[in-house]
Amino acid sequence: MQRLSAGVIELDVQKHTVYAGGEALLLTLKEFELLRILMENAGIVLSRERLLELVWGYKADIETRTVDVHVRTLRQKLGRYGDVITTVRGIGYKI
């Protein structure tokens, strides 16, 4: 069983569940995958292009805001814990 945690955020890969501060969150598949990848790579800055490749399964030939939109909605769903996802200006995101 694989469980990941970042502060008060807990993610169970097998059960496909996420808790923030003990509260269950309902995430879309892409939001869950995005959070999982960020948590698995805690402390490492992942570029938007790398996240597109890992979460959506394709390389970005054009600039896209897909990652930014998903990070924004993920932060909203995490509520007061949303700031666990850090923006590294001009590069990407990290936890």
PDB file of N, CA and C in Angstrom:
ATOM      1  N   MET A   1       0.846  -1.180   0.000  1.00  0.00           N
ATOM      2  CA  MET A   1       0.000   0.000   0.000  1.00  0.00           C
ATOM      3  C   MET A   1       0.889   1.240   0.000  1.00  0.00           C
ATOM      4  N   GLN A   2       0.638   2.132  -0.944  1.00  0.00           N
ATOM      5  CA  GLN A   2       1.458   3.328  -1.041  1.00  0.00           C
ATOM      6  C   GLN A   2       0.676   4.549  -0.561  1.00  0.00           C
ATOM      7  N   ARG A   3       1.205   5.166   0.485  1.00  0.00           N
ATOM      8  CA  ARG A   3       0.630   6.406   1.009  1.00  0.00           C
ATOM      9  C   ARG A   3       1.688   7.491   0.954  1.00  0.00           C
ATOM     10  N   LEU A   4       1.249   8.659   0.553  1.00  0.00           N
ATOM     11  CA  LEU A   4       2.139   9.812   0.489  1.00  0.00           C
ATOM     12  C   LEU A   4       1.578  10.887   1.408  1.00  0.00           C
ATOM     13  N   SER A   5       2.466  11.687   1.971  1.00  0.00           N
ATOM     14  CA  SER A   5       1.995  12.798   2.795  1.00  0.00           C
ATOM     15  C   SER A   5       2.884  14.016   2.603  1.00  0.00           C
ATOM     16  N   ALA A   6       2.249  15.160   2.712  1.00  0.00           N
ATOM     17  CA  ALA A   6       2.936  16.450   2.665  1.00  0.00           C
ATOM     18  C   ALA A   6       2.226  17.330   3.679  1.00  0.00           C
ATOM     19  N   GLY A   7       2.819  17.447   4.849  1.00  0.00           N
ATOM     20  CA  GLY A   7       2.159  18.180   5.925  1.00  0.00           C
ATOM     21  C   GLY A   7       0.883  17.468   6.321  1.00  0.00           C
ATOM     22  N   VAL A   8      -0.243  18.172   6.250  1.00  0.00           N
ATOM     23  CA  VAL A   8      -1.531  17.579   6.630  1.00  0.00           C
ATOM     24  C   VAL A   8      -2.258  16.940   5.449  1.00  0.00           C
ATOM     25  N   ILE A   9      -1.606  16.902   4.292  1.00  0.00           N
ATOM     26  CA  ILE A   9      -2.217  16.287   3.115  1.00  0.00           C
ATOM     27  C   ILE A   9      -1.745  14.842   3.014  1.00  0.00           C
ATOM     28  N   GLU A  10      -2.708  13.936   2.924  1.00  0.00           N
ATOM     29  CA  GLU A  10      -2.406  12.515   2.810  1.00  0.00           C
ATOM     30  C   GLU A  10      -3.069  11.962   1.561  1.00  0.00           C
ATOM     31  N   LEU A  11      -2.309  11.177   0.804  1.00  0.00           N
ATOM     32  CA  LEU A  11      -2.798  10.603  -0.438  1.00  0.00           C
ATOM     33  C   LEU A  11      -2.547   9.102  -0.407  1.00  0.00           C
ATOM     34  N   ASP A  12      -3.582   8.322  -0.665  1.00  0.00           N
ATOM     35  CA  ASP A  12      -3.471   6.868  -0.734  1.00  0.00           C
ATOM     36  C   ASP A  12      -3.636   6.473  -2.195  1.00  0.00           C
ATOM     37  N   VAL A  13      -2.538   5.998  -2.801  1.00  0.00           N
ATOM     38  CA  VAL A  13      -2.530   5.695  -4.227  1.00  0.00           C
ATOM     39  C   VAL A  13      -3.496   4.565  -4.556  1.00  0.00           C
ATOM     40  N   GLN A  14      -3.473   3.490  -3.789  1.00  0.00           N
ATOM     41  CA  GLN A  14      -4.318   2.328  -4.082  1.00  0.00           C
ATOM     42  C   GLN A  14      -5.802   2.608  -3.887  1.00  0.00           C
ATOM     43  N   LYS A  15      -6.134   3.320  -2.834  1.00  0.00           N
ATOM     44  CA  LYS A  15      -7.544   3.624  -2.555  1.00  0.00           C
ATOM     45  C   LYS A  15      -8.037   4.845  -3.327  1.00  0.00           C
ATOM     46  N   HIS A  16      -7.113   5.561  -3.945  1.00  0.00           N
ATOM     47  CA  HIS A  16      -7.415   6.771  -4.704  1.00  0.00           C
ATOM     48  C   HIS A  16      -8.158   7.781  -3.829  1.00  0.00           C
ATOM     49  N   THR A  17      -7.610   8.012  -2.621  1.00  0.00           N
ATOM     50  CA  THR A  17      -8.214   8.963  -1.689  1.00  0.00           C
ATOM     51  C   THR A  17      -7.215  10.038  -1.299  1.00  0.00           C
ATOM     52  N   VAL A  18      -7.747  11.211  -1.011  1.00  0.00           N
ATOM     53  CA  VAL A  18      -6.931  12.334  -0.555  1.00  0.00           C
ATOM     54  C   VAL A  18      -7.635  12.977   0.634  1.00  0.00           C
ATOM     55  N   TYR A  19      -6.856  13.246   1.670  1.00  0.00           N
ATOM     56  CA  TYR A  19      -7.355  13.937   2.851  1.00  0.00           C
ATOM     57  C   TYR A  19      -6.479  15.156   3.097  1.00  0.00           C
ATOM     58  N   ALA A  20      -7.126  16.258   3.425  1.00  0.00           N
ATOM     59  CA  ALA A  20      -6.410  17.481   3.793  1.00  0.00           C
ATOM     60  C   ALA A  20      -6.928  17.913   5.155  1.00  0.00           C
ATOM     61  N   GLY A  21      -6.052  17.867   6.144  1.00  0.00           N
ATOM     62  CA  GLY A  21      -6.457  18.205   7.501  1.00  0.00           C
ATOM     63  C   GLY A  21      -7.538  17.274   8.027  1.00  0.00           C
ATOM     64  N   GLY A  22      -7.508  16.021   7.582  1.00  0.00           N
ATOM     65  CA  GLY A  22      -8.481  15.028   8.019  1.00  0.00           C
ATOM     66  C   GLY A  22      -9.780  15.018   7.236  1.00  0.00           C
ATOM     67  N   GLU A  23      -9.941  15.959   6.316  1.00  0.00           N
ATOM     68  CA  GLU A  23     -11.162  16.057   5.512  1.00  0.00           C
ATOM     69  C   GLU A  23     -10.948  15.420   4.143  1.00  0.00           C
ATOM     70  N   ALA A  24     -11.858  14.526   3.748  1.00  0.00           N
ATOM     71  CA  ALA A  24     -11.772  13.864   2.446  1.00  0.00           C
ATOM     72  C   ALA A  24     -12.037  14.873   1.331  1.00  0.00           C
ATOM     73  N   LEU A  25     -11.239  14.785   0.268  1.00  0.00           N
ATOM     74  CA  LEU A  25     -11.404  15.666  -0.880  1.00  0.00           C
ATOM     75  C   LEU A  25     -11.846  14.866  -2.092  1.00  0.00           C
ATOM     76  N   LEU A  26     -12.684  15.467  -2.916  1.00  0.00           N
ATOM     77  CA  LEU A  26     -13.087  14.855  -4.172  1.00  0.00           C
ATOM     78  C   LEU A  26     -12.289  15.507  -5.291  1.00  0.00           C
ATOM     79  N   LEU A  27     -11.389  14.735  -5.887  1.00  0.00           N
ATOM     80  CA  LEU A  27     -10.546  15.246  -6.962  1.00  0.00           C
ATOM     81  C   LEU A  27     -10.849  14.507  -8.252  1.00  0.00           C
ATOM     82  N   THR A  28     -10.676  15.201  -9.370  1.00  0.00           N
ATOM     83  CA  THR A  28     -10.764  14.527 -10.660  1.00  0.00           C
ATOM     84  C   THR A  28      -9.530  13.642 -10.819  1.00  0.00           C
ATOM     85  N   LEU A  29      -9.556  12.771 -11.799  1.00  0.00           N
ATOM     86  CA  LEU A  29      -8.419  11.884 -12.040  1.00  0.00           C
ATOM     87  C   LEU A  29      -7.142  12.685 -12.303  1.00  0.00           C
ATOM     88  N   LYS A  30      -7.232  13.721 -13.114  1.00  0.00           N
ATOM     89  CA  LYS A  30      -6.044  14.518 -13.438  1.00  0.00           C
ATOM     90  C   LYS A  30      -5.547  15.295 -12.223  1.00  0.00           C
ATOM     91  N   GLU A  31      -6.443  15.821 -11.421  1.00  0.00           N
ATOM     92  CA  GLU A  31      -6.034  16.519 -10.195  1.00  0.00           C
ATOM     93  C   GLU A  31      -5.329  15.556  -9.249  1.00  0.00           C
ATOM     94  N   PHE A  32      -5.877  14.346  -9.127  1.00  0.00           N
ATOM     95  CA  PHE A  32      -5.265  13.326  -8.270  1.00  0.00           C
ATOM     96  C   PHE A  32      -3.865  12.978  -8.774  1.00  0.00           C
ATOM     97  N   GLU A  33      -3.732  12.741 -10.076  1.00  0.00           N
ATOM     98  CA  GLU A  33      -2.434  12.393 -10.655  1.00  0.00           C
ATOM     99  C   GLU A  33      -1.434  13.529 -10.497  1.00  0.00           C
ATOM    100  N   LEU A  34      -1.883  14.752 -10.695  1.00  0.00           N
ATOM    101  CA  LEU A  34      -1.014  15.914 -10.534  1.00  0.00           C
ATOM    102  C   LEU A  34      -0.504  16.001  -9.100  1.00  0.00           C
ATOM    103  N   LEU A  35      -1.396  15.853  -8.141  1.00  0.00           N
ATOM    104  CA  LEU A  35      -1.006  15.896  -6.735  1.00  0.00           C
ATOM    105  C   LEU A  35      -0.066  14.743  -6.397  1.00  0.00           C
ATOM    106  N   ARG A  36      -0.379  13.548  -6.897  1.00  0.00           N
ATOM    107  CA  ARG A  36       0.464  12.377  -6.638  1.00  0.00           C
ATOM    108  C   ARG A  36       1.886  12.597  -7.148  1.00  0.00           C
ATOM    109  N   ILE A  37       2.007  13.086  -8.365  1.00  0.00           N
ATOM    110  CA  ILE A  37       3.333  13.294  -8.955  1.00  0.00           C
ATOM    111  C   ILE A  37       4.098  14.371  -8.198  1.00  0.00           C
ATOM    112  N   LEU A  38       3.429  15.450  -7.828  1.00  0.00           N
ATOM    113  CA  LEU A  38       4.095  16.493  -7.047  1.00  0.00           C
ATOM    114  C   LEU A  38       4.552  15.948  -5.696  1.00  0.00           C
ATOM    115  N   MET A  39       3.717  15.130  -5.059  1.00  0.00           N
ATOM    116  CA  MET A  39       4.070  14.574  -3.750  1.00  0.00           C
ATOM    117  C   MET A  39       5.189  13.542  -3.859  1.00  0.00           C
ATOM    118  N   GLU A  40       5.177  12.743  -4.918  1.00  0.00           N
ATOM    119  CA  GLU A  40       6.244  11.755  -5.118  1.00  0.00           C
ATOM    120  C   GLU A  40       7.589  12.423  -5.364  1.00  0.00           C
ATOM    121  N   ASN A  41       7.539  13.649  -5.876  1.00  0.00           N
ATOM    122  CA  ASN A  41       8.754  14.401  -6.188  1.00  0.00           C
ATOM    123  C   ASN A  41       8.919  15.591  -5.251  1.00  0.00           C
ATOM    124  N   ALA A  42       8.515  15.432  -4.010  1.00  0.00           N
ATOM    125  CA  ALA A  42       8.570  16.518  -3.027  1.00  0.00           C
ATOM    126  C   ALA A  42       9.957  17.146  -2.977  1.00  0.00           C
ATOM    127  N   GLY A  43       9.981  18.480  -3.012  1.00  0.00           N
ATOM    128  CA  GLY A  43      11.237  19.214  -2.956  1.00  0.00           C
ATOM    129  C   GLY A  43      11.873  19.447  -4.312  1.00  0.00           C
ATOM    130  N   ILE A  44      11.332  18.817  -5.348  1.00  0.00           N
ATOM    131  CA  ILE A  44      11.875  18.942  -6.703  1.00  0.00           C
ATOM    132  C   ILE A  44      10.933  19.815  -7.525  1.00  0.00           C
ATOM    133  N   VAL A  45      11.490  20.802  -8.214  1.00  0.00           N
ATOM    134  CA  VAL A  45      10.683  21.651  -9.086  1.00  0.00           C
ATOM    135  C   VAL A  45      10.435  20.893 -10.385  1.00  0.00           C
ATOM    136  N   LEU A  46       9.163  20.750 -10.736  1.00  0.00           N
ATOM    137  CA  LEU A  46       8.787  20.093 -11.983  1.00  0.00           C
ATOM    138  C   LEU A  46       8.266  21.151 -12.948  1.00  0.00           C
ATOM    139  N   SER A  47       8.820  21.175 -14.145  1.00  0.00           N
ATOM    140  CA  SER A  47       8.389  22.150 -15.144  1.00  0.00           C
ATOM    141  C   SER A  47       6.987  21.808 -15.639  1.00  0.00           C
ATOM    142  N   ARG A  48       6.324  22.783 -16.218  1.00  0.00           N
ATOM    143  CA  ARG A  48       4.999  22.547 -16.795  1.00  0.00           C
ATOM    144  C   ARG A  48       5.080  21.460 -17.861  1.00  0.00           C
ATOM    145  N   GLU A  49       6.131  21.514 -18.668  1.00  0.00           N
ATOM    146  CA  GLU A  49       6.308  20.528 -19.732  1.00  0.00           C
ATOM    147  C   GLU A  49       6.446  19.122 -19.163  1.00  0.00           C
ATOM    148  N   ARG A  50       7.206  18.978 -18.086  1.00  0.00           N
ATOM    149  CA  ARG A  50       7.395  17.662 -17.458  1.00  0.00           C
ATOM    150  C   ARG A  50       6.086  17.173 -16.843  1.00  0.00           C
ATOM    151  N   LEU A  51       5.337  18.079 -16.221  1.00  0.00           N
ATOM    152  CA  LEU A  51       4.043  17.700 -15.654  1.00  0.00           C
ATOM    153  C   LEU A  51       3.060  17.287 -16.745  1.00  0.00           C
ATOM    154  N   LEU A  52       3.079  17.990 -17.876  1.00  0.00           N
ATOM    155  CA  LEU A  52       2.226  17.594 -19.001  1.00  0.00           C
ATOM    156  C   LEU A  52       2.561  16.178 -19.453  1.00  0.00           C
ATOM    157  N   GLU A  53       3.841  15.891 -19.521  1.00  0.00           N
ATOM    158  CA  GLU A  53       4.288  14.568 -19.944  1.00  0.00           C
ATOM    159  C   GLU A  53       3.872  13.495 -18.937  1.00  0.00           C
ATOM    160  N   LEU A  54       4.070  13.764 -17.648  1.00  0.00           N
ATOM    161  CA  LEU A  54       3.791  12.768 -16.612  1.00  0.00           C
ATOM    162  C   LEU A  54       2.301  12.582 -16.328  1.00  0.00           C
ATOM    163  N   VAL A  55       1.535  13.662 -16.342  1.00  0.00           N
ATOM    164  CA  VAL A  55       0.116  13.582 -15.989  1.00  0.00           C
ATOM    165  C   VAL A  55      -0.762  13.312 -17.209  1.00  0.00           C
ATOM    166  N   TRP A  56      -0.500  14.020 -18.298  1.00  0.00           N
ATOM    167  CA  TRP A  56      -1.344  13.897 -19.477  1.00  0.00           C
ATOM    168  C   TRP A  56      -0.773  12.949 -20.530  1.00  0.00           C
ATOM    169  N   GLY A  57       0.494  12.586 -20.387  1.00  0.00           N
ATOM    170  CA  GLY A  57       1.086  11.604 -21.282  1.00  0.00           C
ATOM    171  C   GLY A  57       1.526  12.118 -22.636  1.00  0.00           C
ATOM    172  N   TYR A  58       1.765  13.419 -22.746  1.00  0.00           N
ATOM    173  CA  TYR A  58       2.289  13.914 -24.011  1.00  0.00           C
ATOM    174  C   TYR A  58       3.273  15.040 -23.781  1.00  0.00           C
ATOM    175  N   LYS A  59       4.118  15.219 -24.771  1.00  0.00           N
ATOM    176  CA  LYS A  59       5.085  16.308 -24.712  1.00  0.00           C
ATOM    177  C   LYS A  59       4.439  17.555 -25.298  1.00  0.00           C
ATOM    178  N   ALA A  60       4.717  18.666 -24.677  1.00  0.00           N
ATOM    179  CA  ALA A  60       4.118  19.927 -25.114  1.00  0.00           C
ATOM    180  C   ALA A  60       4.931  20.534 -26.244  1.00  0.00           C
ATOM    181  N   ASP A  61       4.314  20.626 -27.413  1.00  0.00           N
ATOM    182  CA  ASP A  61       4.959  21.286 -28.539  1.00  0.00           C
ATOM    183  C   ASP A  61       4.584  22.761 -28.575  1.00  0.00           C
ATOM    184  N   ILE A  62       3.519  23.099 -27.884  1.00  0.00           N
ATOM    185  CA  ILE A  62       3.072  24.485 -27.804  1.00  0.00           C
ATOM    186  C   ILE A  62       2.897  24.848 -26.336  1.00  0.00           C
ATOM    187  N   GLU A  63       2.893  26.128 -26.064  1.00  0.00           N
ATOM    188  CA  GLU A  63       2.684  26.563 -24.679  1.00  0.00           C
ATOM    189  C   GLU A  63       1.224  26.336 -24.306  1.00  0.00           C
ATOM    190  N   THR A  64       1.012  25.759 -23.157  1.00  0.00           N
ATOM    191  CA  THR A  64      -0.351  25.497 -22.715  1.00  0.00           C
ATOM    192  C   THR A  64      -0.506  25.909 -21.260  1.00  0.00           C
ATOM    193  N   ARG A  65      -1.705  26.272 -20.892  1.00  0.00           N
ATOM    194  CA  ARG A  65      -2.001  26.659 -19.516  1.00  0.00           C
ATOM    195  C   ARG A  65      -2.776  25.559 -18.795  1.00  0.00           C
ATOM    196  N   THR A  66      -2.842  24.392 -19.407  1.00  0.00           N
ATOM    197  CA  THR A  66      -3.552  23.268 -18.796  1.00  0.00           C
ATOM    198  C   THR A  66      -3.050  22.998 -17.387  1.00  0.00           C
ATOM    199  N   VAL A  67      -1.748  22.948 -17.218  1.00  0.00           N
ATOM    200  CA  VAL A  67      -1.169  22.666 -15.902  1.00  0.00           C
ATOM    201  C   VAL A  67      -1.546  23.769 -14.925  1.00  0.00           C
ATOM    202  N   ASP A  68      -1.432  25.017 -15.340  1.00  0.00           N
ATOM    203  CA  ASP A  68      -1.753  26.148 -14.464  1.00  0.00           C
ATOM    204  C   ASP A  68      -3.206  26.097 -13.988  1.00  0.00           C
ATOM    205  N   VAL A  69      -4.112  25.776 -14.902  1.00  0.00           N
ATOM    206  CA  VAL A  69      -5.531  25.701 -14.559  1.00  0.00           C
ATOM    207  C   VAL A  69      -5.772  24.584 -13.550  1.00  0.00           C
ATOM    208  N   HIS A  70      -5.160  23.424 -13.773  1.00  0.00           N
ATOM    209  CA  HIS A  70      -5.338  22.303 -12.850  1.00  0.00           C
ATOM    210  C   HIS A  70      -4.701  22.586 -11.484  1.00  0.00           C
ATOM    211  N   VAL A  71      -3.570  23.252 -11.472  1.00  0.00           N
ATOM    212  CA  VAL A  71      -2.946  23.609 -10.194  1.00  0.00           C
ATOM    213  C   VAL A  71      -3.852  24.577  -9.439  1.00  0.00           C
ATOM    214  N   ARG A  72      -4.421  25.540 -10.147  1.00  0.00           N
ATOM    215  CA  ARG A  72      -5.310  26.504  -9.503  1.00  0.00           C
ATOM    216  C   ARG A  72      -6.528  25.806  -8.886  1.00  0.00           C
ATOM    217  N   THR A  73      -7.177  24.912  -9.633  1.00  0.00           N
ATOM    218  CA  THR A  73      -8.349  24.226  -9.081  1.00  0.00           C
ATOM    219  C   THR A  73      -7.953  23.267  -7.958  1.00  0.00           C
ATOM    220  N   LEU A  74      -6.782  22.652  -8.075  1.00  0.00           N
ATOM    221  CA  LEU A  74      -6.302  21.767  -7.013  1.00  0.00           C
ATOM    222  C   LEU A  74      -6.059  22.562  -5.734  1.00  0.00           C
ATOM    223  N   ARG A  75      -5.446  23.725  -5.872  1.00  0.00           N
ATOM    224  CA  ARG A  75      -5.229  24.596  -4.702  1.00  0.00           C
ATOM    225  C   ARG A  75      -6.554  24.989  -4.064  1.00  0.00           C
ATOM    226  N   GLN A  76      -7.541  25.300  -4.891  1.00  0.00           N
ATOM    227  CA  GLN A  76      -8.858  25.675  -4.363  1.00  0.00           C
ATOM    228  C   GLN A  76      -9.469  24.521  -3.577  1.00  0.00           C
ATOM    229  N   LYS A  77      -9.355  23.312  -4.102  1.00  0.00           N
ATOM    230  CA  LYS A  77      -9.916  22.147  -3.420  1.00  0.00           C
ATOM    231  C   LYS A  77      -9.163  21.822  -2.136  1.00  0.00           C
ATOM    232  N   LEU A  78      -7.871  22.126  -2.100  1.00  0.00           N
ATOM    233  CA  LEU A  78      -7.086  21.908  -0.885  1.00  0.00           C
ATOM    234  C   LEU A  78      -7.395  22.969   0.171  1.00  0.00           C
ATOM    235  N   GLY A  79      -8.076  24.031  -0.245  1.00  0.00           N
ATOM    236  CA  GLY A  79      -8.492  25.082   0.686  1.00  0.00           C
ATOM    237  C   GLY A  79      -7.311  25.764   1.346  1.00  0.00           C
ATOM    238  N   ARG A  80      -7.362  25.867   2.663  1.00  0.00           N
ATOM    239  CA  ARG A  80      -6.303  26.584   3.382  1.00  0.00           C
ATOM    240  C   ARG A  80      -4.956  25.884   3.291  1.00  0.00           C
ATOM    241  N   TYR A  81      -4.932  24.653   2.792  1.00  0.00           N
ATOM    242  CA  TYR A  81      -3.673  23.922   2.633  1.00  0.00           C
ATOM    243  C   TYR A  81      -3.126  24.021   1.205  1.00  0.00           C
ATOM    244  N   GLY A  82      -3.806  24.771   0.360  1.00  0.00           N
ATOM    245  CA  GLY A  82      -3.416  24.892  -1.040  1.00  0.00           C
ATOM    246  C   GLY A  82      -2.031  25.458  -1.262  1.00  0.00           C
ATOM    247  N   ASP A  83      -1.535  26.215  -0.275  1.00  0.00           N
ATOM    248  CA  ASP A  83      -0.210  26.817  -0.438  1.00  0.00           C
ATOM    249  C   ASP A  83       0.920  25.803  -0.302  1.00  0.00           C
ATOM    250  N   VAL A  84       0.583  24.528  -0.066  1.00  0.00           N
ATOM    251  CA  VAL A  84       1.613  23.483  -0.051  1.00  0.00           C
ATOM    252  C   VAL A  84       2.216  23.335  -1.456  1.00  0.00           C
ATOM    253  N   ILE A  85       1.440  23.704  -2.482  1.00  0.00           N
ATOM    254  CA  ILE A  85       1.944  23.695  -3.858  1.00  0.00           C
ATOM    255  C   ILE A  85       2.551  25.062  -4.125  1.00  0.00           C
ATOM    256  N   THR A  86       3.843  25.077  -4.365  1.00  0.00           N
ATOM    257  CA  THR A  86       4.580  26.318  -4.560  1.00  0.00           C
ATOM    258  C   THR A  86       4.845  26.556  -6.041  1.00  0.00           C
ATOM    259  N   THR A  87       4.602  27.782  -6.486  1.00  0.00           N
ATOM    260  CA  THR A  87       4.945  28.170  -7.845  1.00  0.00           C
ATOM    261  C   THR A  87       6.384  28.654  -7.863  1.00  0.00           C
ATOM    262  N   VAL A  88       7.180  28.107  -8.764  1.00  0.00           N
ATOM    263  CA  VAL A  88       8.543  28.584  -8.971  1.00  0.00           C
ATOM    264  C   VAL A  88       8.495  29.348 -10.289  1.00  0.00           C
ATOM    265  N   ARG A  89       8.446  30.650 -10.158  1.00  0.00           N
ATOM    266  CA  ARG A  89       8.213  31.531 -11.301  1.00  0.00           C
ATOM    267  C   ARG A  89       9.126  31.221 -12.483  1.00  0.00           C
ATOM    268  N   GLY A  90       8.494  31.076 -13.644  1.00  0.00           N
ATOM    269  CA  GLY A  90       9.228  30.833 -14.872  1.00  0.00           C
ATOM    270  C   GLY A  90       9.701  29.397 -15.047  1.00  0.00           C
ATOM    271  N   ILE A  91       9.456  28.549 -14.047  1.00  0.00           N
ATOM    272  CA  ILE A  91       9.928  27.165 -14.141  1.00  0.00           C
ATOM    273  C   ILE A  91       8.773  26.181 -14.039  1.00  0.00           C
ATOM    274  N   GLY A  92       8.081  26.169 -12.883  1.00  0.00           N
ATOM    275  CA  GLY A  92       7.012  25.201 -12.703  1.00  0.00           C
ATOM    276  C   GLY A  92       6.500  25.186 -11.282  1.00  0.00           C
ATOM    277  N   TYR A  93       6.299  23.974 -10.753  1.00  0.00           N
ATOM    278  CA  TYR A  93       5.685  23.817  -9.434  1.00  0.00           C
ATOM    279  C   TYR A  93       6.412  22.769  -8.608  1.00  0.00           C
ATOM    280  N   LYS A  94       6.226  22.873  -7.282  1.00  0.00           N
ATOM    281  CA  LYS A  94       6.775  21.860  -6.381  1.00  0.00           C
ATOM    282  C   LYS A  94       5.958  21.818  -5.107  1.00  0.00           C
ATOM    283  N   ILE A  95       6.128  20.722  -4.392  1.00  0.00           N
ATOM    284  CA  ILE A  95       5.576  20.579  -3.038  1.00  0.00           C
ATOM    285  C   ILE A  95       6.767  20.457  -2.127  1.00  0.00           C
TER     286      ILE A  95
END
